[in-house]
């Protein structure tokens, strides 16, 4: 989800922030119009935008440098410094909550350190191997599965950048379509996987992002603002249509391809939509997007806990509604929509704090240490 030094693609950063917000809304179950919309119900697909954008940005920042001899070890340390500190901190928050509630009667009936929150999966999460072991479900901080497979993808492509030379792009194309084919036959969930097939899912999108970058730097487009704006509008409209209509179907396998095209279009940063995405509010969302993604599930779960407690205190069942064993925040669509906006706001606020206190300073510290390595 993150990039290196070189040229910054502000519009793409902002799009990443918007996608992170969509995933927050996806994970917060309500009866509201926002959460029940097909667009939000299928927003798990925006993880594949992260993968494709990572491939694009990592290729832009490191492919030439690594091919020219830049240390793979330093590259991996820098990537670790970018994603790992916040991962560990948020995991620690989840573990601390389990400890803090060991003697508490939970309405959900969940027993501390059981199921997806087992002690053994703490070690797997720390080692970034949780998608390869354990249950076929996200464990502890669920979104961290994608960080795990992305770190291993960094390693694969670091060696690709170093040794494949002019064969890098053909190899990336073959890998992308190979992973897409694997997902067709390996699972009936296609892109909606986070265990079996998770690594292939990441490699699929990341490879297309690498290809998109190499296409981008060979493009010599001189589009007018009007033409670029029309292309951007088509890209946004096409994304909405494909996300709304695909979900966890075989059609979802076209989504990474669509995202690669969207990235190519917005990398030009030439249209009116790109200018909107360059506004401070959107740029800020892009800056804290990784923190939003990593902290939001903890916020969602604790918000739901607060609603359950509020229900007990007020003796009002409408704070949380249970339908067919599944819990939803709020009793009406309006309540659900208001709560969705509140939770998103809290997640952004929490992400701002974690970015300033953990993500950014840890990244800077690691960069200083790596730059001192001979």
Protein backbone atom coordinates (compact mmCIF):
# COMPACT_ATOMS: atom_id res chain seq x y z
CA UNK A 1 0.00 0.00 0.00
CA UNK A 2 2.93 2.28 0.23
CA UNK A 3 5.59 3.76 -1.92
CA UNK A 4 9.19 4.89 -1.96
CA UNK A 5 10.91 8.20 -2.64
CA UNK A 6 10.94 9.35 -6.32
CA UNK A 7 7.99 11.13 -7.94
CA UNK A 8 4.85 11.20 -5.85
CA UNK A 9 1.57 10.41 -7.56
CA UNK A 10 -0.74 12.56 -5.45
CA UNK A 11 -3.96 11.54 -7.20
CA UNK A 12 -3.13 7.86 -6.70
CA UNK A 13 -2.27 8.43 -3.05
CA UNK A 14 -5.63 10.13 -2.58
CA UNK A 15 -7.45 7.28 -4.31
CA UNK A 16 -5.77 4.90 -1.89
CA UNK A 17 -7.17 6.97 0.97
CA UNK A 18 -10.67 6.84 -0.51
CA UNK A 19 -10.37 3.06 -0.91
CA UNK A 20 -9.26 2.71 2.71
CA UNK A 21 -12.38 4.60 3.79
CA UNK A 22 -14.55 2.30 1.69
CA UNK A 23 -13.08 -0.72 3.46
CA UNK A 24 -13.93 0.86 6.83
CA UNK A 25 -17.56 1.14 5.71
CA UNK A 26 -17.47 -2.43 4.40
CA UNK A 27 -16.41 -3.84 7.76
CA UNK A 28 -19.00 -1.91 9.79
CA UNK A 29 -22.26 -3.84 9.49
CA UNK A 30 -25.40 -1.72 9.74
CA UNK A 31 -28.92 -1.70 8.34
CA UNK A 32 -28.18 1.65 6.70
CA UNK A 33 -28.29 2.55 3.03
CA UNK A 34 -24.52 3.09 2.99
CA UNK A 35 -23.54 -0.33 4.25
CA UNK A 36 -26.30 -2.21 2.43
CA UNK A 37 -25.40 -0.70 -0.96
CA UNK A 38 -23.84 -3.13 -3.43
CA UNK A 39 -20.87 -0.81 -3.80
CA UNK A 40 -19.96 -1.02 -0.11
CA UNK A 41 -20.91 -4.70 0.17
CA UNK A 42 -18.30 -5.43 -2.51
CA UNK A 43 -15.71 -2.97 -1.20
CA UNK A 44 -13.42 -5.85 -0.17
CA UNK A 45 -12.24 -5.57 -3.79
CA UNK A 46 -10.46 -2.32 -2.99
CA UNK A 47 -7.75 -4.37 -1.29
CA UNK A 48 -6.85 -5.34 -4.86
CA UNK A 49 -6.44 -1.66 -5.68
CA UNK A 50 -3.88 -1.52 -2.87
CA UNK A 51 -2.01 -4.48 -4.36
CA UNK A 52 -1.99 -3.01 -7.87
CA UNK A 53 -0.99 0.44 -6.62
CA UNK A 54 1.81 -1.08 -4.53
CA UNK A 55 3.15 -2.84 -7.60
CA UNK A 56 3.05 0.41 -9.55
CA UNK A 57 4.70 2.54 -6.86
CA UNK A 58 7.31 -0.04 -5.83
CA UNK A 59 8.30 -0.49 -9.47
CA UNK A 60 8.51 3.29 -9.88
CA UNK A 61 10.66 3.68 -6.78
CA UNK A 62 12.85 0.59 -6.79
CA UNK A 63 12.88 -1.44 -10.01
CA UNK A 64 15.70 0.52 -11.67
CA UNK A 65 17.59 0.97 -8.41
CA UNK A 66 17.57 -2.72 -7.52
CA UNK A 67 18.48 -3.72 -11.07
CA UNK A 68 21.44 -1.33 -10.80
CA UNK A 69 22.67 -2.98 -7.60
CA UNK A 70 20.73 -1.45 -4.73
CA UNK A 71 20.74 -3.89 -1.82
CA UNK A 72 17.74 -6.22 -1.65
CA UNK A 73 18.40 -6.44 2.07
CA UNK A 74 18.08 -2.67 2.44
CA UNK A 75 14.95 -2.66 0.31
CA UNK A 76 13.29 -5.29 2.48
CA UNK A 77 14.33 -3.50 5.68
CA UNK A 78 12.79 -0.29 4.35
CA UNK A 79 9.56 -2.06 3.47
CA UNK A 80 9.50 -3.72 6.88
CA UNK A 81 10.02 -0.33 8.50
CA UNK A 82 7.09 1.02 6.54
CA UNK A 83 4.50 -1.64 7.39
CA UNK A 84 5.64 -3.68 10.39
CA UNK A 85 5.72 -1.25 13.37
CA UNK A 86 2.05 -0.28 13.09
CA UNK A 87 1.10 -3.91 12.45
CA UNK A 88 2.73 -4.92 15.75
CA UNK A 89 1.17 -2.05 17.69
CA UNK A 90 -2.37 -2.78 16.48
CA UNK A 91 -1.87 -6.50 17.11
CA UNK A 92 -0.80 -5.58 20.65
CA UNK A 93 -4.03 -3.59 21.07
CA UNK A 94 -6.09 -6.64 20.12
CA UNK A 95 -4.10 -8.85 22.49
CA UNK A 96 -4.42 -6.29 25.30
CA UNK A 97 -8.19 -6.20 24.80
CA UNK A 98 -8.37 -9.99 25.13
CA UNK A 99 -6.44 -9.80 28.40
CA UNK A 100 -8.55 -6.90 29.68
CA UNK A 101 -11.82 -8.72 29.08
CA UNK A 102 -10.90 -12.19 30.32
CA UNK A 103 -13.25 -11.84 33.29
CA UNK A 104 -15.99 -10.04 31.39
CA UNK A 105 -19.22 -11.69 30.25
CA UNK A 106 -19.34 -10.89 26.54
CA UNK A 107 -22.74 -10.75 24.82
CA UNK A 108 -21.20 -12.44 21.79
CA UNK A 109 -20.26 -15.48 23.86
CA UNK A 110 -16.69 -15.27 22.57
CA UNK A 111 -14.09 -16.73 24.90
CA UNK A 112 -10.81 -14.80 25.12
CA UNK A 113 -7.88 -16.25 23.17
CA UNK A 114 -10.03 -18.69 21.23
CA UNK A 115 -11.02 -19.17 17.61
CA UNK A 116 -9.57 -16.48 15.36
CA UNK A 117 -7.90 -14.98 18.45
CA UNK A 118 -5.84 -18.00 19.48
CA UNK A 119 -2.44 -17.66 21.11
CA UNK A 120 -0.79 -19.65 18.32
CA UNK A 121 -1.99 -17.15 15.73
CA UNK A 122 -0.25 -14.32 17.59
CA UNK A 123 3.07 -15.86 16.59
CA UNK A 124 1.84 -16.40 13.03
CA UNK A 125 0.80 -12.75 12.79
CA UNK A 126 4.14 -11.58 14.15
CA UNK A 127 5.94 -13.74 11.60
CA UNK A 128 3.63 -12.51 8.81
CA UNK A 129 2.66 -16.06 7.87
CA UNK A 130 -0.96 -15.99 9.05
CA UNK A 131 -2.42 -16.36 5.53
CA UNK A 132 -0.48 -19.59 5.08
CA UNK A 133 -1.35 -21.30 8.38
CA UNK A 134 -4.28 -21.56 10.77
CA UNK A 135 -7.99 -21.19 9.95
CA UNK A 136 -9.44 -20.08 6.63
CA UNK A 137 -10.36 -16.74 8.14
CA UNK A 138 -8.60 -13.49 9.05
CA UNK A 139 -7.11 -13.70 12.54
CA UNK A 140 -6.56 -11.00 15.16
CA UNK A 141 -6.35 -7.77 13.15
CA UNK A 142 -8.03 -9.17 10.07
CA UNK A 143 -6.71 -6.68 7.46
CA UNK A 144 -3.12 -7.63 8.36
CA UNK A 145 -3.41 -10.73 6.14
CA UNK A 146 -2.87 -8.45 3.14
CA UNK A 147 0.21 -6.87 4.71
CA UNK A 148 1.68 -10.33 5.26
CA UNK A 149 1.28 -11.46 1.65
CA UNK A 150 2.45 -8.08 0.39
CA UNK A 151 5.72 -8.34 2.32
CA UNK A 152 6.40 -11.74 0.73
CA UNK A 153 5.49 -10.24 -2.64
CA UNK A 154 8.08 -7.51 -2.10
CA UNK A 155 10.70 -10.23 -1.77
CA UNK A 156 9.58 -12.01 -4.94
CA UNK A 157 9.74 -8.83 -6.98
CA UNK A 158 12.99 -7.64 -5.44
CA UNK A 159 14.64 -10.67 -7.01
CA UNK A 160 12.65 -10.08 -10.18
CA UNK A 161 13.90 -6.49 -10.41
CA UNK A 162 17.48 -7.68 -9.86
CA UNK A 163 17.68 -10.64 -12.20
CA UNK A 164 14.96 -10.57 -14.85
CA UNK A 165 16.07 -7.46 -16.72
CA UNK A 166 14.13 -7.03 -19.97
CA UNK A 167 12.12 -10.14 -19.13
CA UNK A 168 10.56 -8.48 -16.06
CA UNK A 169 7.40 -7.26 -17.78
CA UNK A 170 6.71 -10.51 -19.70
CA UNK A 171 7.32 -12.45 -16.48
CA UNK A 172 4.94 -10.15 -14.57
CA UNK A 173 2.24 -10.64 -17.22
CA UNK A 174 2.65 -14.42 -17.08
CA UNK A 175 2.60 -14.36 -13.27
CA UNK A 176 -0.53 -12.20 -13.20
CA UNK A 177 -2.50 -14.42 -15.52
CA UNK A 178 -1.14 -17.54 -13.87
CA UNK A 179 -2.38 -16.31 -10.50
CA UNK A 180 -5.72 -15.35 -12.01
CA UNK A 181 -6.04 -18.84 -13.45
CA UNK A 182 -5.08 -20.37 -10.12
CA UNK A 183 -7.82 -18.39 -8.37
CA UNK A 184 -10.39 -19.69 -10.85
CA UNK A 185 -9.66 -23.30 -9.99
CA UNK A 186 -8.43 -23.09 -6.39
CA UNK A 187 -11.48 -21.47 -4.82
CA UNK A 188 -15.09 -20.63 -5.55
CA UNK A 189 -14.60 -17.25 -3.85
CA UNK A 190 -12.25 -15.94 -6.56
CA UNK A 191 -10.84 -12.65 -5.20
CA UNK A 192 -12.65 -12.84 -1.87
CA UNK A 193 -9.84 -14.90 -0.31
CA UNK A 194 -7.51 -14.13 2.59
CA UNK A 195 -6.03 -17.58 3.32
CA UNK A 196 -5.92 -20.17 0.52
CA UNK A 197 -5.22 -18.08 -2.55
CA UNK A 198 -4.27 -14.92 -0.63
CA UNK A 199 -0.69 -14.90 -1.91
CA UNK A 200 -1.90 -15.47 -5.48
CA UNK A 201 -4.39 -12.64 -5.05
CA UNK A 202 -1.63 -10.25 -4.05
CA UNK A 203 0.76 -11.40 -6.78
CA UNK A 204 -2.04 -10.97 -9.32
CA UNK A 205 -2.69 -7.32 -8.55
CA UNK A 206 0.93 -6.42 -7.74
CA UNK A 207 2.17 -7.89 -11.04
CA UNK A 208 -0.36 -5.86 -13.00
CA UNK A 209 0.75 -2.77 -11.10
CA UNK A 210 4.36 -3.41 -12.11
CA UNK A 211 3.27 -3.81 -15.73
CA UNK A 212 1.20 -0.62 -15.48
CA UNK A 213 4.25 1.34 -14.35
CA UNK A 214 6.35 0.14 -17.27
CA UNK A 215 3.54 1.07 -19.65
CA UNK A 216 3.21 4.45 -17.92
CA UNK A 217 6.82 5.46 -18.36
CA UNK A 218 6.66 4.63 -22.06
CA UNK A 219 3.49 6.63 -22.61
CA UNK A 220 3.93 9.98 -24.27
CA UNK A 221 0.42 11.32 -23.92
CA UNK A 222 -0.32 15.02 -24.32
CA UNK A 223 -3.98 15.00 -23.38
CA UNK A 224 -6.00 18.17 -23.06
CA UNK A 225 -7.61 18.80 -19.70
CA UNK A 226 -11.01 17.97 -21.18
CA UNK A 227 -9.82 14.68 -22.68
CA UNK A 228 -8.02 13.71 -19.47
CA UNK A 229 -11.09 14.60 -17.41
CA UNK A 230 -13.33 12.46 -19.61
CA UNK A 231 -10.91 9.54 -19.24
CA UNK A 232 -10.89 9.97 -15.47
CA UNK A 233 -14.69 10.09 -15.31
CA UNK A 234 -14.87 6.92 -17.42
CA UNK A 235 -12.33 5.28 -15.08
CA UNK A 236 -14.31 6.17 -11.95
CA UNK A 237 -17.63 5.17 -13.53
CA UNK A 238 -16.19 1.90 -14.79
CA UNK A 239 -14.79 1.11 -11.35
CA UNK A 240 -18.16 1.69 -9.70
CA UNK A 241 -19.95 -0.47 -12.27
CA UNK A 242 -17.53 -3.39 -12.02
CA UNK A 243 -17.40 -3.31 -8.20
CA UNK A 244 -21.19 -3.14 -7.90
CA UNK A 245 -21.72 -6.03 -10.30
CA UNK A 246 -18.88 -8.42 -9.50
CA UNK A 247 -18.66 -9.23 -5.79
CA UNK A 248 -17.23 -12.68 -5.06
CA UNK A 249 -17.90 -13.99 -8.57
CA UNK A 250 -15.63 -14.92 -11.44
CA UNK A 251 -16.20 -11.39 -12.78
CA UNK A 252 -14.14 -10.11 -9.85
CA UNK A 253 -11.02 -11.45 -11.58
CA UNK A 254 -11.33 -8.56 -14.04
CA UNK A 255 -11.12 -6.04 -11.19
CA UNK A 256 -7.29 -5.97 -10.87
CA UNK A 257 -7.09 -5.35 -14.63
CA UNK A 258 -9.55 -2.47 -14.30
CA UNK A 259 -7.57 -1.08 -11.38
CA UNK A 260 -4.34 -1.24 -13.40
CA UNK A 261 -6.02 0.84 -16.11
CA UNK A 262 -7.37 3.28 -13.51
CA UNK A 263 -3.86 3.67 -12.11
CA UNK A 264 -2.48 4.33 -15.60
CA UNK A 265 -5.09 7.03 -16.20
CA UNK A 266 -4.69 8.80 -12.86
CA UNK A 267 -0.90 8.56 -12.97
CA UNK A 268 -1.11 11.22 -15.69
CA UNK A 269 -2.69 13.61 -13.14
CA UNK A 270 -3.99 15.70 -16.01
CA UNK A 271 -7.75 15.93 -15.50
CA UNK A 272 -10.20 17.74 -13.26
CA UNK A 273 -10.79 14.66 -11.09
CA UNK A 274 -7.05 14.48 -10.38
CA UNK A 275 -7.16 18.13 -9.35
CA UNK A 276 -9.96 17.37 -6.93
CA UNK A 277 -7.95 14.46 -5.55
CA UNK A 278 -5.03 16.85 -5.01
CA UNK A 279 -7.11 18.94 -2.59
CA UNK A 280 -5.70 18.92 0.97
CA UNK A 281 -8.51 16.78 2.42
CA UNK A 282 -7.99 13.99 -0.11
CA UNK A 283 -4.21 14.27 0.08
CA UNK A 284 -4.47 13.87 3.85
CA UNK A 285 -6.55 10.71 3.44
CA UNK A 286 -3.82 9.35 1.19
CA UNK A 287 -1.16 10.17 3.76
CA UNK A 288 -2.93 8.32 6.58
CA UNK A 289 -4.44 5.58 4.39
CA UNK A 290 -2.24 2.80 5.76
CA UNK A 291 -3.09 3.79 9.32
CA UNK A 292 -6.80 3.90 8.44
CA UNK A 293 -6.57 0.43 6.98
CA UNK A 294 -4.68 -1.04 9.93
CA UNK A 295 -6.57 0.54 12.86
CA UNK A 296 -10.12 0.60 11.55
CA UNK A 297 -11.17 -2.92 12.54
CA UNK A 298 -10.16 -2.35 16.15
CA UNK A 299 -12.27 0.84 16.08
CA UNK A 300 -15.24 -0.97 14.52
CA UNK A 301 -15.15 -3.76 17.10
CA UNK A 302 -14.81 -1.41 20.06
CA UNK A 303 -17.62 0.79 18.72
CA UNK A 304 -19.85 -2.27 18.56
CA UNK A 305 -18.81 -3.18 22.12
CA UNK A 306 -19.81 0.33 23.21
CA UNK A 307 -23.22 -0.07 21.54
CA UNK A 308 -23.78 -3.36 23.37
CA UNK A 309 -22.90 -1.74 26.70
CA UNK A 310 -25.15 1.21 25.88
CA UNK A 311 -27.97 -1.21 25.16
CA UNK A 312 -27.54 -2.83 28.56
CA UNK A 313 -27.50 0.52 30.33
CA UNK A 314 -30.49 2.00 28.51
CA UNK A 315 -32.43 -1.27 28.12
CA UNK A 316 -32.90 -0.37 24.46
CA UNK A 317 -32.34 -3.17 21.94
CA UNK A 318 -32.05 -0.85 18.96
CA UNK A 319 -28.40 0.03 19.41
CA UNK A 320 -27.52 -3.40 18.03
CA UNK A 321 -29.94 -5.46 15.94
CA UNK A 322 -29.55 -9.22 15.49
CA UNK A 323 -30.88 -10.82 12.30
CA UNK A 324 -30.32 -14.53 11.65
CA UNK A 325 -27.54 -14.53 14.22
CA UNK A 326 -25.70 -11.61 12.63
CA UNK A 327 -25.37 -8.30 14.46
CA UNK A 328 -25.95 -4.93 12.86
CA UNK A 329 -25.40 -1.49 14.37
CA UNK A 330 -28.62 0.48 14.73
CA UNK A 331 -32.28 -0.40 14.34
CA UNK A 332 -33.12 1.74 11.31
CA UNK A 333 -31.39 2.72 8.05
CA UNK A 334 -30.99 6.30 9.29
CA UNK A 335 -29.34 5.17 12.53
CA UNK A 336 -27.07 2.88 10.52
CA UNK A 337 -26.01 5.63 8.14
CA UNK A 338 -25.29 8.07 10.97
CA UNK A 339 -23.25 5.42 12.78
CA UNK A 340 -21.32 4.63 9.59
CA UNK A 341 -20.29 8.27 9.26
CA UNK A 342 -19.36 8.44 12.95
CA UNK A 343 -17.26 5.27 12.81
CA UNK A 344 -15.48 6.45 9.68
CA UNK A 345 -14.70 9.76 11.39
CA UNK A 346 -13.36 8.00 14.49
CA UNK A 347 -11.23 5.70 12.33
CA UNK A 348 -9.71 8.66 10.49
CA UNK A 349 -9.06 10.43 13.79
CA UNK A 350 -7.43 7.33 15.28
CA UNK A 351 -5.39 6.87 12.11
CA UNK A 352 -4.16 10.44 12.37
CA UNK A 353 -2.88 9.70 15.86
CA UNK A 354 -1.21 6.41 14.91
CA UNK A 355 0.34 7.99 11.83
CA UNK A 356 1.90 10.81 13.82
CA UNK A 357 2.93 8.76 16.85
CA UNK A 358 3.84 5.39 15.31
CA UNK A 359 3.78 4.99 11.54
CA UNK A 360 5.73 8.08 10.45
CA UNK A 361 8.36 8.23 13.22
CA UNK A 362 9.01 4.48 13.02
CA UNK A 363 9.44 4.71 9.27
CA UNK A 364 11.86 7.63 9.62
CA UNK A 365 13.86 5.80 12.31
CA UNK A 366 14.21 2.71 10.12
CA UNK A 367 15.25 4.85 7.15
CA UNK A 368 18.00 6.46 9.20
CA UNK A 369 19.24 3.07 10.39
CA UNK A 370 19.18 1.59 6.89
CA UNK A 371 20.99 4.58 5.40
CA UNK A 372 23.80 3.97 7.91
CA UNK A 373 24.29 0.38 6.71
CA UNK A 374 27.38 0.09 4.52
